[in-house]
Amino acid sequence: MSIDTQFLDWFNASITVENAQGSSSGGYGGRTYSANGPQSVLARLEQYIKKVQSRDGNDLFTKGRLFVAPMTATSSAAAVTVRVGDRITIPAGYILGTSTQPRILDVEQLNDEYGSPMYYEVLV
């Protein structure tokens, strides 16, 4: 899958994604991340305040929305996934009231007509 190069102009930042691999072996519940390290991807970052319901039923308010490309910054092949629990790092100051590593509240994968991911909508 490749994205039309005109679509790439829509992304306004570069972020990193680290896929969660589970809890640490230390017994303290810390999350471990992919041994491959962070992947640099293009994304569109927006201020976005919306009331959402978490997977466990709690009401939460988002502070931002990211549209994340499914490929690394150096490849046009779909190679990146984003899930709740992953760690993302965004540039400082893009989304007010969040750290540079905001918690992912929800993720929706949007596919093209062939079932390949076009982008991920990530709520933080």
PDB file of N, CA and C in Angstrom:
ATOM      1  N   MET A   1       0.839  -1.175   0.000  1.00  0.00           N
ATOM      2  CA  MET A   1       0.000   0.000   0.000  1.00  0.00           C
ATOM      3  C   MET A   1       0.882   1.236   0.000  1.00  0.00           C
ATOM      4  N   SER A   2       0.522   2.201  -0.793  1.00  0.00           N
ATOM      5  CA  SER A   2       1.235   3.469  -0.739  1.00  0.00           C
ATOM      6  C   SER A   2       0.207   4.586  -0.739  1.00  0.00           C
ATOM      7  N   ILE A   3       0.609   5.712  -0.188  1.00  0.00           N
ATOM      8  CA  ILE A   3      -0.278   6.861  -0.090  1.00  0.00           C
ATOM      9  C   ILE A   3       0.100   7.850  -1.177  1.00  0.00           C
ATOM     10  N   ASP A   4      -0.896   8.463  -1.788  1.00  0.00           N
ATOM     11  CA  ASP A   4      -0.671   9.510  -2.772  1.00  0.00           C
ATOM     12  C   ASP A   4       0.194  10.593  -2.125  1.00  0.00           C
ATOM     13  N   THR A   5       1.219  11.045  -2.808  1.00  0.00           N
ATOM     14  CA  THR A   5       2.147  12.018  -2.232  1.00  0.00           C
ATOM     15  C   THR A   5       1.460  13.328  -1.866  1.00  0.00           C
ATOM     16  N   GLN A   6       0.353  13.681  -2.521  1.00  0.00           N
ATOM     17  CA  GLN A   6      -0.380  14.888  -2.147  1.00  0.00           C
ATOM     18  C   GLN A   6      -0.978  14.744  -0.754  1.00  0.00           C
ATOM     19  N   PHE A   7      -1.325  13.527  -0.364  1.00  0.00           N
ATOM     20  CA  PHE A   7      -1.891  13.273   0.963  1.00  0.00           C
ATOM     21  C   PHE A   7      -0.847  13.506   2.052  1.00  0.00           C
ATOM     22  N   LEU A   8       0.420  13.309   1.748  1.00  0.00           N
ATOM     23  CA  LEU A   8       1.482  13.484   2.741  1.00  0.00           C
ATOM     24  C   LEU A   8       1.588  14.927   3.215  1.00  0.00           C
ATOM     25  N   ASP A   9       1.192  15.891   2.394  1.00  0.00           N
ATOM     26  CA  ASP A   9       1.217  17.296   2.803  1.00  0.00           C
ATOM     27  C   ASP A   9       0.266  17.576   3.962  1.00  0.00           C
ATOM     28  N   TRP A  10      -0.715  16.724   4.149  1.00  0.00           N
ATOM     29  CA  TRP A  10      -1.718  16.896   5.207  1.00  0.00           C
ATOM     30  C   TRP A  10      -1.109  16.666   6.592  1.00  0.00           C
ATOM     31  N   PHE A  11      -0.104  15.810   6.682  1.00  0.00           N
ATOM     32  CA  PHE A  11       0.541  15.529   7.969  1.00  0.00           C
ATOM     33  C   PHE A  11       1.418  16.717   8.354  1.00  0.00           C
ATOM     34  N   ASN A  12       1.326  17.157   9.629  1.00  0.00           N
ATOM     35  CA  ASN A  12       2.033  18.364  10.038  1.00  0.00           C
ATOM     36  C   ASN A  12       3.128  18.129  11.074  1.00  0.00           C
ATOM     37  N   ALA A  13       3.448  16.877  11.372  1.00  0.00           N
ATOM     38  CA  ALA A  13       4.474  16.606  12.383  1.00  0.00           C
ATOM     39  C   ALA A  13       5.044  15.206  12.189  1.00  0.00           C
ATOM     40  N   SER A  14       6.160  14.991  12.837  1.00  0.00           N
ATOM     41  CA  SER A  14       6.748  13.658  12.911  1.00  0.00           C
ATOM     42  C   SER A  14       6.674  13.220  14.367  1.00  0.00           C
ATOM     43  N   ILE A  15       6.186  12.010  14.613  1.00  0.00           N
ATOM     44  CA  ILE A  15       6.092  11.481  15.970  1.00  0.00           C
ATOM     45  C   ILE A  15       6.782  10.123  16.011  1.00  0.00           C
ATOM     46  N   THR A  16       6.954   9.578  17.206  1.00  0.00           N
ATOM     47  CA  THR A  16       7.470   8.212  17.318  1.00  0.00           C
ATOM     48  C   THR A  16       6.424   7.330  17.971  1.00  0.00           C
ATOM     49  N   VAL A  17       6.410   6.073  17.553  1.00  0.00           N
ATOM     50  CA  VAL A  17       5.494   5.074  18.089  1.00  0.00           C
ATOM     51  C   VAL A  17       6.324   3.909  18.604  1.00  0.00           C
ATOM     52  N   GLU A  18       6.044   3.490  19.842  1.00  0.00           N
ATOM     53  CA  GLU A  18       6.662   2.294  20.419  1.00  0.00           C
ATOM     54  C   GLU A  18       5.540   1.338  20.788  1.00  0.00           C
ATOM     55  N   ASN A  19       5.529   0.175  20.160  1.00  0.00           N
ATOM     56  CA  ASN A  19       4.467  -0.794  20.418  1.00  0.00           C
ATOM     57  C   ASN A  19       4.669  -1.489  21.753  1.00  0.00           C
ATOM     58  N   ALA A  20       3.586  -1.561  22.544  1.00  0.00           N
ATOM     59  CA  ALA A  20       3.619  -2.231  23.849  1.00  0.00           C
ATOM     60  C   ALA A  20       3.761  -3.730  23.647  1.00  0.00           C
ATOM     61  N   GLN A  21       4.560  -4.365  24.513  1.00  0.00           N
ATOM     62  CA  GLN A  21       4.785  -5.804  24.427  1.00  0.00           C
ATOM     63  C   GLN A  21       4.257  -6.547  25.643  1.00  0.00           C
ATOM     64  N   GLY A  22       3.800  -5.848  26.673  1.00  0.00           N
ATOM     65  CA  GLY A  22       3.286  -6.503  27.871  1.00  0.00           C
ATOM     66  C   GLY A  22       3.858  -5.872  29.114  1.00  0.00           C
ATOM     67  N   SER A  23       3.667  -6.529  30.242  1.00  0.00           N
ATOM     68  CA  SER A  23       4.169  -6.016  31.517  1.00  0.00           C
ATOM     69  C   SER A  23       5.618  -6.431  31.713  1.00  0.00           C
ATOM     70  N   SER A  24       6.292  -5.684  32.573  1.00  0.00           N
ATOM     71  CA  SER A  24       7.691  -5.995  32.852  1.00  0.00           C
ATOM     72  C   SER A  24       7.799  -7.267  33.669  1.00  0.00           C
ATOM     73  N   SER A  25       8.960  -7.857  33.656  1.00  0.00           N
ATOM     74  CA  SER A  25       9.190  -9.072  34.449  1.00  0.00           C
ATOM     75  C   SER A  25       9.520  -8.742  35.885  1.00  0.00           C
ATOM     76  N   GLY A  26       9.619  -7.454  36.237  1.00  0.00           N
ATOM     77  CA  GLY A  26       9.947  -7.052  37.596  1.00  0.00           C
ATOM     78  C   GLY A  26       8.781  -7.152  38.557  1.00  0.00           C
ATOM     79  N   GLY A  27       7.575  -7.421  38.064  1.00  0.00           N
ATOM     80  CA  GLY A  27       6.427  -7.596  38.932  1.00  0.00           C
ATOM     81  C   GLY A  27       5.752  -6.314  39.358  1.00  0.00           C
ATOM     82  N   TYR A  28       6.197  -5.179  38.872  1.00  0.00           N
ATOM     83  CA  TYR A  28       5.590  -3.918  39.262  1.00  0.00           C
ATOM     84  C   TYR A  28       4.591  -3.404  38.241  1.00  0.00           C
ATOM     85  N   GLY A  29       4.330  -4.164  37.220  1.00  0.00           N
ATOM     86  CA  GLY A  29       3.314  -3.801  36.248  1.00  0.00           C
ATOM     87  C   GLY A  29       3.754  -2.779  35.225  1.00  0.00           C
ATOM     88  N   GLY A  30       5.026  -2.415  35.200  1.00  0.00           N
ATOM     89  CA  GLY A  30       5.504  -1.484  34.189  1.00  0.00           C
ATOM     90  C   GLY A  30       5.415  -2.115  32.811  1.00  0.00           C
ATOM     91  N   ARG A  31       5.103  -1.322  31.829  1.00  0.00           N
ATOM     92  CA  ARG A  31       4.952  -1.835  30.479  1.00  0.00           C
ATOM     93  C   ARG A  31       6.304  -1.905  29.791  1.00  0.00           C
ATOM     94  N   THR A  32       6.490  -2.938  28.989  1.00  0.00           N
ATOM     95  CA  THR A  32       7.680  -3.031  28.146  1.00  0.00           C
ATOM     96  C   THR A  32       7.278  -2.748  26.707  1.00  0.00           C
ATOM     97  N   TYR A  33       8.242  -2.305  25.927  1.00  0.00           N
ATOM     98  CA  TYR A  33       7.961  -1.903  24.554  1.00  0.00           C
ATOM     99  C   TYR A  33       8.846  -2.680  23.595  1.00  0.00           C
ATOM    100  N   SER A  34       8.495  -2.639  22.347  1.00  0.00           N
ATOM    101  CA  SER A  34       9.156  -3.397  21.298  1.00  0.00           C
ATOM    102  C   SER A  34      10.670  -3.251  21.353  1.00  0.00           C
ATOM    103  N   ALA A  35      11.347  -4.368  21.168  1.00  0.00           N
ATOM    104  CA  ALA A  35      12.806  -4.363  21.142  1.00  0.00           C
ATOM    105  C   ALA A  35      13.330  -3.626  19.914  1.00  0.00           C
ATOM    106  N   ASN A  36      12.471  -3.421  18.916  1.00  0.00           N
ATOM    107  CA  ASN A  36      12.886  -2.704  17.713  1.00  0.00           C
ATOM    108  C   ASN A  36      13.038  -1.212  17.947  1.00  0.00           C
ATOM    109  N   GLY A  37      12.588  -0.732  19.105  1.00  0.00           N
ATOM    110  CA  GLY A  37      12.697   0.684  19.422  1.00  0.00           C
ATOM    111  C   GLY A  37      11.606   1.500  18.769  1.00  0.00           C
ATOM    112  N   PRO A  38      11.658   2.814  18.973  1.00  0.00           N
ATOM    113  CA  PRO A  38      10.626   3.682  18.411  1.00  0.00           C
ATOM    114  C   PRO A  38      10.719   3.764  16.890  1.00  0.00           C
ATOM    115  N   GLN A  39       9.545   3.894  16.262  1.00  0.00           N
ATOM    116  CA  GLN A  39       9.478   4.076  14.818  1.00  0.00           C
ATOM    117  C   GLN A  39       9.007   5.500  14.541  1.00  0.00           C
ATOM    118  N   SER A  40       9.697   6.208  13.692  1.00  0.00           N
ATOM    119  CA  SER A  40       9.330   7.572  13.337  1.00  0.00           C
ATOM    120  C   SER A  40       8.281   7.534  12.233  1.00  0.00           C
ATOM    121  N   VAL A  41       7.161   8.234  12.463  1.00  0.00           N
ATOM    122  CA  VAL A  41       6.074   8.255  11.485  1.00  0.00           C
ATOM    123  C   VAL A  41       5.548   9.679  11.326  1.00  0.00           C
ATOM    124  N   LEU A  42       4.890   9.921  10.195  1.00  0.00           N
ATOM    125  CA  LEU A  42       4.241  11.201   9.969  1.00  0.00           C
ATOM    126  C   LEU A  42       2.863  11.186  10.608  1.00  0.00           C
ATOM    127  N   ALA A  43       2.437  12.339  11.115  1.00  0.00           N
ATOM    128  CA  ALA A  43       1.128  12.427  11.761  1.00  0.00           C
ATOM    129  C   ALA A  43       0.585  13.839  11.618  1.00  0.00           C
ATOM    130  N   ARG A  44      -0.716  13.935  11.731  1.00  0.00           N
ATOM    131  CA  ARG A  44      -1.377  15.241  11.834  1.00  0.00           C
ATOM    132  C   ARG A  44      -1.873  15.359  13.262  1.00  0.00           C
ATOM    133  N   LEU A  45      -1.475  16.422  13.962  1.00  0.00           N
ATOM    134  CA  LEU A  45      -1.856  16.641  15.351  1.00  0.00           C
ATOM    135  C   LEU A  45      -2.825  17.804  15.428  1.00  0.00           C
ATOM    136  N   GLU A  46      -3.906  17.608  16.188  1.00  0.00           N
ATOM    137  CA  GLU A  46      -4.929  18.640  16.320  1.00  0.00           C
ATOM    138  C   GLU A  46      -5.401  18.727  17.756  1.00  0.00           C
ATOM    139  N   GLN A  47      -5.749  19.955  18.186  1.00  0.00           N
ATOM    140  CA  GLN A  47      -6.477  20.124  19.436  1.00  0.00           C
ATOM    141  C   GLN A  47      -7.844  19.506  19.222  1.00  0.00           C
ATOM    142  N   TYR A  48      -8.328  18.733  20.196  1.00  0.00           N
ATOM    143  CA  TYR A  48      -9.612  18.059  19.996  1.00  0.00           C
ATOM    144  C   TYR A  48     -10.154  17.673  21.356  1.00  0.00           C
ATOM    145  N   ILE A  49     -11.155  18.381  21.812  1.00  0.00           N
ATOM    146  CA  ILE A  49     -11.752  18.075  23.108  1.00  0.00           C
ATOM    147  C   ILE A  49     -13.083  17.391  22.863  1.00  0.00           C
ATOM    148  N   LYS A  50     -13.197  16.187  23.390  1.00  0.00           N
ATOM    149  CA  LYS A  50     -14.411  15.398  23.196  1.00  0.00           C
ATOM    150  C   LYS A  50     -14.554  14.445  24.377  1.00  0.00           C
ATOM    151  N   LYS A  51     -15.783  14.241  24.809  1.00  0.00           N
ATOM    152  CA  LYS A  51     -16.062  13.268  25.859  1.00  0.00           C
ATOM    153  C   LYS A  51     -16.155  11.892  25.207  1.00  0.00           C
ATOM    154  N   VAL A  52     -15.356  10.950  25.705  1.00  0.00           N
ATOM    155  CA  VAL A  52     -15.369   9.583  25.188  1.00  0.00           C
ATOM    156  C   VAL A  52     -15.494   8.627  26.364  1.00  0.00           C
ATOM    157  N   GLN A  53     -15.874   7.409  26.065  1.00  0.00           N
ATOM    158  CA  GLN A  53     -15.969   6.385  27.098  1.00  0.00           C
ATOM    159  C   GLN A  53     -14.827   5.400  26.911  1.00  0.00           C
ATOM    160  N   SER A  54     -14.079   5.162  27.996  1.00  0.00           N
ATOM    161  CA  SER A  54     -12.959   4.234  27.925  1.00  0.00           C
ATOM    162  C   SER A  54     -13.485   2.808  27.805  1.00  0.00           C
ATOM    163  N   ARG A  55     -12.595   1.900  27.502  1.00  0.00           N
ATOM    164  CA  ARG A  55     -12.980   0.493  27.346  1.00  0.00           C
ATOM    165  C   ARG A  55     -13.535  -0.116  28.632  1.00  0.00           C
ATOM    166  N   ASP A  56     -13.173   0.485  29.787  1.00  0.00           N
ATOM    167  CA  ASP A  56     -13.706  -0.026  31.054  1.00  0.00           C
ATOM    168  C   ASP A  56     -14.938   0.753  31.522  1.00  0.00           C
ATOM    169  N   GLY A  57     -15.478   1.630  30.652  1.00  0.00           N
ATOM    170  CA  GLY A  57     -16.741   2.300  30.950  1.00  0.00           C
ATOM    171  C   GLY A  57     -16.632   3.664  31.599  1.00  0.00           C
ATOM    172  N   ASN A  58     -15.442   4.159  31.868  1.00  0.00           N
ATOM    173  CA  ASN A  58     -15.281   5.473  32.487  1.00  0.00           C
ATOM    174  C   ASN A  58     -15.368   6.580  31.442  1.00  0.00           C
ATOM    175  N   ASP A  59     -15.949   7.718  31.839  1.00  0.00           N
ATOM    176  CA  ASP A  59     -15.998   8.875  30.958  1.00  0.00           C
ATOM    177  C   ASP A  59     -14.672   9.614  31.022  1.00  0.00           C
ATOM    178  N   LEU A  60     -14.117   9.945  29.853  1.00  0.00           N
ATOM    179  CA  LEU A  60     -12.851  10.663  29.747  1.00  0.00           C
ATOM    180  C   LEU A  60     -13.014  11.795  28.755  1.00  0.00           C
ATOM    181  N   PHE A  61     -12.161  12.805  28.860  1.00  0.00           N
ATOM    182  CA  PHE A  61     -12.142  13.885  27.892  1.00  0.00           C
ATOM    183  C   PHE A  61     -10.816  13.860  27.149  1.00  0.00           C
ATOM    184  N   THR A  62     -10.898  13.871  25.824  1.00  0.00           N
ATOM    185  CA  THR A  62      -9.683  13.919  25.020  1.00  0.00           C
ATOM    186  C   THR A  62      -9.133  15.337  25.031  1.00  0.00           C
ATOM    187  N   LYS A  63      -7.852  15.452  24.746  1.00  0.00           N
ATOM    188  CA  LYS A  63      -7.216  16.765  24.586  1.00  0.00           C
ATOM    189  C   LYS A  63      -6.735  16.960  23.166  1.00  0.00           C
ATOM    190  N   GLY A  64      -6.563  15.853  22.469  1.00  0.00           N
ATOM    191  CA  GLY A  64      -6.064  15.966  21.110  1.00  0.00           C
ATOM    192  C   GLY A  64      -6.414  14.756  20.283  1.00  0.00           C
ATOM    193  N   ARG A  65      -6.211  14.922  18.979  1.00  0.00           N
ATOM    194  CA  ARG A  65      -6.461  13.842  18.032  1.00  0.00           C
ATOM    195  C   ARG A  65      -5.276  13.818  17.080  1.00  0.00           C
ATOM    196  N   LEU A  66      -4.793  12.609  16.810  1.00  0.00           N
ATOM    197  CA  LEU A  66      -3.686  12.425  15.883  1.00  0.00           C
ATOM    198  C   LEU A  66      -4.150  11.525  14.751  1.00  0.00           C
ATOM    199  N   PHE A  67      -3.777  11.865  13.551  1.00  0.00           N
ATOM    200  CA  PHE A  67      -3.975  11.002  12.401  1.00  0.00           C
ATOM    201  C   PHE A  67      -2.580  10.504  12.043  1.00  0.00           C
ATOM    202  N   VAL A  68      -2.352   9.215  12.200  1.00  0.00           N
ATOM    203  CA  VAL A  68      -1.012   8.642  12.086  1.00  0.00           C
ATOM    204  C   VAL A  68      -0.902   7.808  10.819  1.00  0.00           C
ATOM    205  N   ALA A  69       0.127   8.083  10.039  1.00  0.00           N
ATOM    206  CA  ALA A  69       0.376   7.308   8.820  1.00  0.00           C
ATOM    207  C   ALA A  69       0.818   5.895   9.207  1.00  0.00           C
ATOM    208  N   PRO A  70       0.437   4.881   8.429  1.00  0.00           N
ATOM    209  CA  PRO A  70       0.777   3.500   8.783  1.00  0.00           C
ATOM    210  C   PRO A  70       2.147   3.051   8.304  1.00  0.00           C
ATOM    211  N   MET A  71       2.964   4.003   7.859  1.00  0.00           N
ATOM    212  CA  MET A  71       4.297   3.626   7.408  1.00  0.00           C
ATOM    213  C   MET A  71       5.327   4.500   8.103  1.00  0.00           C
ATOM    214  N   THR A  72       6.565   4.020   8.145  1.00  0.00           N
ATOM    215  CA  THR A  72       7.620   4.814   8.755  1.00  0.00           C
ATOM    216  C   THR A  72       7.933   6.007   7.867  1.00  0.00           C
ATOM    217  N   ALA A  73       8.657   6.954   8.415  1.00  0.00           N
ATOM    218  CA  ALA A  73       8.997   8.166   7.671  1.00  0.00           C
ATOM    219  C   ALA A  73       9.901   7.876   6.481  1.00  0.00           C
ATOM    220  N   THR A  74      10.540   6.700   6.455  1.00  0.00           N
ATOM    221  CA  THR A  74      11.482   6.382   5.376  1.00  0.00           C
ATOM    222  C   THR A  74      10.972   5.309   4.422  1.00  0.00           C
ATOM    223  N   SER A  75       9.718   4.853   4.581  1.00  0.00           N
ATOM    224  CA  SER A  75       9.199   3.780   3.747  1.00  0.00           C
ATOM    225  C   SER A  75       7.750   4.061   3.379  1.00  0.00           C
ATOM    226  N   SER A  76       7.327   3.562   2.226  1.00  0.00           N
ATOM    227  CA  SER A  76       5.925   3.722   1.844  1.00  0.00           C
ATOM    228  C   SER A  76       5.119   2.453   2.115  1.00  0.00           C
ATOM    229  N   ALA A  77       5.765   1.427   2.661  1.00  0.00           N
ATOM    230  CA  ALA A  77       5.070   0.176   2.967  1.00  0.00           C
ATOM    231  C   ALA A  77       4.426   0.266   4.350  1.00  0.00           C
ATOM    232  N   ALA A  78       3.198  -0.241   4.471  1.00  0.00           N
ATOM    233  CA  ALA A  78       2.508  -0.244   5.765  1.00  0.00           C
ATOM    234  C   ALA A  78       3.278  -1.126   6.728  1.00  0.00           C
ATOM    235  N   ALA A  79       3.840  -0.529   7.772  1.00  0.00           N
ATOM    236  CA  ALA A  79       4.689  -1.274   8.695  1.00  0.00           C
ATOM    237  C   ALA A  79       4.466  -0.887  10.147  1.00  0.00           C
ATOM    238  N   VAL A  80       3.590   0.075  10.394  1.00  0.00           N
ATOM    239  CA  VAL A  80       3.400   0.602  11.742  1.00  0.00           C
ATOM    240  C   VAL A  80       1.957   0.371  12.163  1.00  0.00           C
ATOM    241  N   THR A  81       1.773  -0.107  13.374  1.00  0.00           N
ATOM    242  CA  THR A  81       0.444  -0.203  13.960  1.00  0.00           C
ATOM    243  C   THR A  81       0.419   0.666  15.211  1.00  0.00           C
ATOM    244  N   VAL A  82      -0.755   1.140  15.574  1.00  0.00           N
ATOM    245  CA  VAL A  82      -0.936   1.932  16.788  1.00  0.00           C
ATOM    246  C   VAL A  82      -2.103   1.338  17.545  1.00  0.00           C
ATOM    247  N   ARG A  83      -1.891   1.055  18.846  1.00  0.00           N
ATOM    248  CA  ARG A  83      -2.935   0.478  19.692  1.00  0.00           C
ATOM    249  C   ARG A  83      -2.963   1.206  21.033  1.00  0.00           C
ATOM    250  N   VAL A  84      -4.084   1.093  21.723  1.00  0.00           N
ATOM    251  CA  VAL A  84      -4.155   1.584  23.097  1.00  0.00           C
ATOM    252  C   VAL A  84      -3.088   0.830  23.890  1.00  0.00           C
ATOM    253  N   GLY A  85      -2.312   1.538  24.675  1.00  0.00           N
ATOM    254  CA  GLY A  85      -1.235   0.924  25.440  1.00  0.00           C
ATOM    255  C   GLY A  85       0.135   1.170  24.841  1.00  0.00           C
ATOM    256  N   ASP A  86       0.180   1.504  23.556  1.00  0.00           N
ATOM    257  CA  ASP A  86       1.460   1.859  22.937  1.00  0.00           C
ATOM    258  C   ASP A  86       1.913   3.207  23.485  1.00  0.00           C
ATOM    259  N   ARG A  87       3.182   3.511  23.271  1.00  0.00           N
ATOM    260  CA  ARG A  87       3.723   4.802  23.711  1.00  0.00           C
ATOM    261  C   ARG A  87       4.029   5.637  22.470  1.00  0.00           C
ATOM    262  N   ILE A  88       3.497   6.864  22.475  1.00  0.00           N
ATOM    263  CA  ILE A  88       3.803   7.788  21.401  1.00  0.00           C
ATOM    264  C   ILE A  88       4.528   8.986  21.990  1.00  0.00           C
ATOM    265  N   THR A  89       5.373   9.587  21.190  1.00  0.00           N
ATOM    266  CA  THR A  89       6.069  10.807  21.588  1.00  0.00           C
ATOM    267  C   THR A  89       5.783  11.851  20.520  1.00  0.00           C
ATOM    268  N   ILE A  90       5.235  12.989  20.969  1.00  0.00           N
ATOM    269  CA  ILE A  90       4.874  14.066  20.054  1.00  0.00           C
ATOM    270  C   ILE A  90       5.729  15.283  20.376  1.00  0.00           C
ATOM    271  N   PRO A  91       5.868  16.215  19.428  1.00  0.00           N
ATOM    272  CA  PRO A  91       6.612  17.438  19.703  1.00  0.00           C
ATOM    273  C   PRO A  91       5.919  18.257  20.797  1.00  0.00           C
ATOM    274  N   ALA A  92       6.700  18.920  21.625  1.00  0.00           N
ATOM    275  CA  ALA A  92       6.158  19.750  22.708  1.00  0.00           C
ATOM    276  C   ALA A  92       5.347  20.901  22.125  1.00  0.00           C
ATOM    277  N   GLY A  93       4.230  21.217  22.789  1.00  0.00           N
ATOM    278  CA  GLY A  93       3.434  22.373  22.429  1.00  0.00           C
ATOM    279  C   GLY A  93       2.367  22.154  21.373  1.00  0.00           C
ATOM    280  N   TYR A  94       2.295  20.992  20.777  1.00  0.00           N
ATOM    281  CA  TYR A  94       1.277  20.765  19.749  1.00  0.00           C
ATOM    282  C   TYR A  94      -0.119  20.624  20.348  1.00  0.00           C
ATOM    283  N   ILE A  95      -0.224  19.927  21.471  1.00  0.00           N
ATOM    284  CA  ILE A  95      -1.528  19.702  22.091  1.00  0.00           C
ATOM    285  C   ILE A  95      -1.462  20.238  23.512  1.00  0.00           C
ATOM    286  N   LEU A  96      -2.206  21.304  23.776  1.00  0.00           N
ATOM    287  CA  LEU A  96      -2.172  21.956  25.078  1.00  0.00           C
ATOM    288  C   LEU A  96      -2.621  21.012  26.178  1.00  0.00           C
ATOM    289  N   GLY A  97      -1.960  21.083  27.317  1.00  0.00           N
ATOM    290  CA  GLY A  97      -2.362  20.302  28.469  1.00  0.00           C
ATOM    291  C   GLY A  97      -1.920  18.851  28.443  1.00  0.00           C
ATOM    292  N   THR A  98      -1.042  18.491  27.513  1.00  0.00           N
ATOM    293  CA  THR A  98      -0.544  17.118  27.490  1.00  0.00           C
ATOM    294  C   THR A  98       0.974  17.133  27.556  1.00  0.00           C
ATOM    295  N   SER A  99       1.527  16.008  27.946  1.00  0.00           N
ATOM    296  CA  SER A  99       2.975  15.848  27.926  1.00  0.00           C
ATOM    297  C   SER A  99       3.396  15.483  26.511  1.00  0.00           C
ATOM    298  N   THR A 100       4.681  15.287  26.313  1.00  0.00           N
ATOM    299  CA  THR A 100       5.140  14.849  24.998  1.00  0.00           C
ATOM    300  C   THR A 100       4.888  13.362  24.794  1.00  0.00           C
ATOM    301  N   GLN A 101       4.452  12.667  25.858  1.00  0.00           N
ATOM    302  CA  GLN A 101       4.059  11.258  25.747  1.00  0.00           C
ATOM    303  C   GLN A 101       2.664  11.073  26.348  1.00  0.00           C
ATOM    304  N   PRO A 102       1.637  11.591  25.660  1.00  0.00           N
ATOM    305  CA  PRO A 102       0.277  11.489  26.191  1.00  0.00           C
ATOM    306  C   PRO A 102      -0.236  10.048  26.157  1.00  0.00           C
ATOM    307  N   ARG A 103      -1.144   9.752  27.058  1.00  0.00           N
ATOM    308  CA  ARG A 103      -1.772   8.426  27.100  1.00  0.00           C
ATOM    309  C   ARG A 103      -2.757   8.284  25.947  1.00  0.00           C
ATOM    310  N   ILE A 104      -2.695   7.166  25.273  1.00  0.00           N
ATOM    311  CA  ILE A 104      -3.623   6.883  24.178  1.00  0.00           C
ATOM    312  C   ILE A 104      -4.942   6.402  24.782  1.00  0.00           C
ATOM    313  N   LEU A 105      -6.033   7.116  24.479  1.00  0.00           N
ATOM    314  CA  LEU A 105      -7.341   6.755  25.014  1.00  0.00           C
ATOM    315  C   LEU A 105      -8.104   5.812  24.093  1.00  0.00           C
ATOM    316  N   ASP A 106      -7.952   6.008  22.783  1.00  0.00           N
ATOM    317  CA  ASP A 106      -8.657   5.169  21.821  1.00  0.00           C
ATOM    318  C   ASP A 106      -7.958   5.258  20.476  1.00  0.00           C
ATOM    319  N   VAL A 107      -8.087   4.197  19.685  1.00  0.00           N
ATOM    320  CA  VAL A 107      -7.498   4.149  18.343  1.00  0.00           C
ATOM    321  C   VAL A 107      -8.509   3.538  17.389  1.00  0.00           C
ATOM    322  N   GLU A 108      -8.646   4.158  16.225  1.00  0.00           N
ATOM    323  CA  GLU A 108      -9.464   3.579  15.165  1.00  0.00           C
ATOM    324  C   GLU A 108      -8.609   3.486  13.912  1.00  0.00           C
ATOM    325  N   GLN A 109      -8.577   2.310  13.310  1.00  0.00           N
ATOM    326  CA  GLN A 109      -7.828   2.104  12.067  1.00  0.00           C
ATOM    327  C   GLN A 109      -8.775   2.308  10.891  1.00  0.00           C
ATOM    328  N   LEU A 110      -8.403   3.170   9.958  1.00  0.00           N
ATOM    329  CA  LEU A 110      -9.214   3.405   8.763  1.00  0.00           C
ATOM    330  C   LEU A 110      -8.508   2.781   7.571  1.00  0.00           C
ATOM    331  N   ASN A 111      -9.244   1.930   6.843  1.00  0.00           N
ATOM    332  CA  ASN A 111      -8.669   1.149   5.750  1.00  0.00           C
ATOM    333  C   ASN A 111      -9.112   1.667   4.396  1.00  0.00           C
ATOM    334  N   ASP A 112      -8.305   1.333   3.375  1.00  0.00           N
ATOM    335  CA  ASP A 112      -8.706   1.637   2.005  1.00  0.00           C
ATOM    336  C   ASP A 112      -9.639   0.539   1.502  1.00  0.00           C
ATOM    337  N   GLU A 113     -10.016   0.609   0.244  1.00  0.00           N
ATOM    338  CA  GLU A 113     -10.983  -0.352  -0.305  1.00  0.00           C
ATOM    339  C   GLU A 113     -10.440  -1.775  -0.379  1.00  0.00           C
ATOM    340  N   TYR A 114      -9.123  -1.947  -0.204  1.00  0.00           N
ATOM    341  CA  TYR A 114      -8.512  -3.274  -0.242  1.00  0.00           C
ATOM    342  C   TYR A 114      -8.262  -3.848   1.154  1.00  0.00           C
ATOM    343  N   GLY A 115      -8.631  -3.090   2.192  1.00  0.00           N
ATOM    344  CA  GLY A 115      -8.435  -3.551   3.560  1.00  0.00           C
ATOM    345  C   GLY A 115      -7.096  -3.173   4.158  1.00  0.00           C
ATOM    346  N   SER A 116      -6.281  -2.423   3.433  1.00  0.00           N
ATOM    347  CA  SER A 116      -4.982  -1.974   3.953  1.00  0.00           C
ATOM    348  C   SER A 116      -5.179  -0.694   4.751  1.00  0.00           C
ATOM    349  N   PRO A 117      -4.423  -0.514   5.843  1.00  0.00           N
ATOM    350  CA  PRO A 117      -4.590   0.702   6.641  1.00  0.00           C
ATOM    351  C   PRO A 117      -4.165   1.955   5.875  1.00  0.00           C
ATOM    352  N   MET A 118      -5.042   2.979   5.898  1.00  0.00           N
ATOM    353  CA  MET A 118      -4.701   4.284   5.311  1.00  0.00           C
ATOM    354  C   MET A 118      -4.105   5.186   6.378  1.00  0.00           C
ATOM    355  N   TYR A 119      -4.713   5.161   7.579  1.00  0.00           N
ATOM    356  CA  TYR A 119      -4.189   5.905   8.716  1.00  0.00           C
ATOM    357  C   TYR A 119      -4.904   5.438   9.973  1.00  0.00           C
ATOM    358  N   TYR A 120      -4.344   5.836  11.114  1.00  0.00           N
ATOM    359  CA  TYR A 120      -4.945   5.552  12.412  1.00  0.00           C
ATOM    360  C   TYR A 120      -5.403   6.889  13.003  1.00  0.00           C
ATOM    361  N   GLU A 121      -6.618   6.914  13.542  1.00  0.00           N
ATOM    362  CA  GLU A 121      -7.093   8.067  14.299  1.00  0.00           C
ATOM    363  C   GLU A 121      -6.883   7.756  15.763  1.00  0.00           C
ATOM    364  N   VAL A 122      -6.043   8.541  16.424  1.00  0.00           N
ATOM    365  CA  VAL A 122      -5.634   8.281  17.797  1.00  0.00           C
ATOM    366  C   VAL A 122      -6.132   9.421  18.680  1.00  0.00           C
ATOM    367  N   LEU A 123      -6.892   9.088  19.723  1.00  0.00           N
ATOM    368  CA  LEU A 123      -7.365  10.084  20.669  1.00  0.00           C
ATOM    369  C   LEU A 123      -6.488  10.052  21.913  1.00  0.00           C
ATOM    370  N   VAL A 124      -6.023  11.258  22.324  1.00  0.00           N
ATOM    371  CA  VAL A 124      -5.161  11.367  23.514  1.00  0.00           C
ATOM    372  C   VAL A 124      -5.758  12.354  24.488  1.00  0.00           C
TER     373      VAL A 124
END
